[in-house]
Protein backbone atom coordinates (compact mmCIF):
# COMPACT_ATOMS: atom_id res chain seq x y z
CA MET A 1 7.55 -10.04 8.49
CA SER A 2 6.45 -13.90 8.21
CA GLY A 3 7.10 -16.08 5.53
CA GLY A 4 7.86 -15.02 1.80
CA VAL A 5 5.69 -13.20 -0.74
CA ASN A 6 3.24 -14.95 -3.05
CA GLY A 7 4.36 -13.12 -6.44
CA VAL A 8 1.08 -15.19 -8.31
CA ARG A 9 -0.79 -13.27 -5.83
CA GLY A 10 0.42 -9.96 -6.70
CA GLU A 11 2.36 -9.34 -3.42
CA VAL A 12 5.97 -7.88 -3.27
CA ARG A 13 8.45 -7.34 -0.25
CA VAL A 14 9.34 -3.76 0.65
CA MET A 15 11.67 -2.11 3.54
CA LEU A 16 9.90 0.59 5.32
CA ALA A 17 11.20 2.07 8.32
CA GLY A 18 14.34 -0.41 7.90
CA GLU A 19 11.75 -3.30 8.07
CA PRO A 20 10.83 -5.60 5.39
CA ARG A 21 6.85 -5.56 4.61
CA ARG A 22 4.77 -7.13 2.06
CA LEU A 23 2.06 -4.98 0.49
CA CYS A 24 -0.60 -6.56 -1.60
CA LEU A 25 -3.57 -4.44 -3.80
CA THR A 26 -6.15 -7.04 -2.68
CA LEU A 27 -9.73 -6.16 -3.37
CA GLY A 28 -10.69 -5.27 0.17
CA ALA A 29 -7.26 -2.74 -0.19
CA LEU A 30 -9.11 -1.37 -3.11
CA ALA A 31 -12.25 -0.60 -1.29
CA GLU A 32 -10.14 0.80 1.74
CA ILE A 33 -8.07 3.01 -0.84
CA GLU A 34 -11.56 4.03 -2.52
CA THR A 35 -12.52 5.00 0.72
CA ALA A 36 -9.50 6.78 2.19
CA LEU A 37 -9.18 8.67 -0.99
CA GLU A 38 -13.20 9.82 -1.43
CA ALA A 39 -12.91 8.01 -4.87
CA ASP A 40 -15.84 6.17 -6.53
CA GLY A 41 -14.48 3.98 -8.63
CA LEU A 42 -11.41 2.56 -10.21
CA ASP A 43 -10.92 5.71 -13.01
CA ALA A 44 -11.33 8.31 -9.96
CA VAL A 45 -8.77 6.19 -8.06
CA ALA A 46 -6.39 6.50 -10.69
CA GLU A 47 -6.77 10.06 -11.16
CA ARG A 48 -6.77 10.89 -7.33
CA MET A 49 -3.54 8.89 -7.29
CA ARG A 50 -1.50 11.41 -9.38
CA ARG A 51 -1.95 14.22 -6.82
CA LEU A 52 -1.78 12.20 -3.29
CA SER A 53 -0.96 14.27 -0.10
CA ALA A 54 1.30 12.92 2.59
CA ARG A 55 -1.96 11.52 4.33
CA ASP A 56 -2.97 9.99 1.53
CA LEU A 57 -0.04 8.38 0.85
CA LEU A 58 0.08 6.77 4.34
CA ALA A 59 -3.82 5.60 3.93
CA VAL A 60 -2.92 4.05 0.71
CA LEU A 61 0.30 2.59 2.16
CA GLU A 62 -1.96 1.21 5.18
CA ALA A 63 -4.51 -0.27 2.82
CA LEU A 64 -1.95 -2.05 0.74
CA LEU A 65 0.09 -3.33 4.16
CA HIS A 66 -3.66 -4.78 5.19
CA GLY A 67 -3.80 -6.40 1.78
CA GLY A 68 -0.45 -8.26 2.72
CA GLY A 69 -1.67 -9.49 5.78
CA GLU A 70 0.60 -6.89 7.95
CA ASP A 71 -2.32 -5.46 9.97
CA GLU A 72 0.57 -5.06 12.98
CA ALA A 73 2.77 -2.74 10.62
CA ALA A 74 -0.26 -0.91 9.22
CA ALA A 75 -1.59 -0.02 12.73
CA GLY A 76 1.77 1.83 13.95
CA LEU A 77 2.33 3.48 10.29
CA GLY A 78 1.61 6.83 11.62
CA GLN A 79 4.44 6.50 14.52
CA ALA A 80 6.81 4.65 12.18
CA ALA A 81 9.89 6.43 10.67
CA VAL A 82 9.06 5.70 7.18
CA ASP A 83 10.93 7.33 4.28
CA PRO A 84 8.43 9.37 1.78
CA ARG A 85 10.45 7.80 -1.10
CA GLU A 86 10.16 4.05 0.45
CA ALA A 87 6.59 4.84 0.85
CA ALA A 88 6.32 6.03 -2.65
CA GLN A 89 8.30 3.37 -4.23
CA GLY A 90 6.47 0.70 -2.06
CA VAL A 91 3.09 1.76 -3.55
CA ALA A 92 4.23 1.95 -6.78
CA ARG A 93 5.73 -1.64 -6.67
CA ALA A 94 2.43 -2.88 -5.52
CA PHE A 95 0.18 -1.67 -8.25
CA ALA A 96 2.73 -2.66 -10.72
CA ALA A 97 2.82 -6.47 -9.51
CA CYS A 98 -1.03 -6.18 -9.14
CA VAL A 99 -1.26 -5.66 -13.30
CA GLY A 100 2.07 -6.63 -14.62
């Protein structure tokens, strides 16, 4: 991962598969999440986030990696040995950074 994180932008650093990665909930990431979850609007995304499948969690994590500029990591996410707890915690931290 190049450089640090920009907390003002809502970026967070998380460990995924033993590597530090930057996640960020950008408008583009949010649109990617809406598409992946087949959700129409923020309320639908919030509701859908309450019952994510493993595939959904990977899609959300991939979108947040894109938002953080981690395109290469996002591309290889399906093959990486990402711990589901790390993934869920990373997603939660990225959303919290955006609203907090």
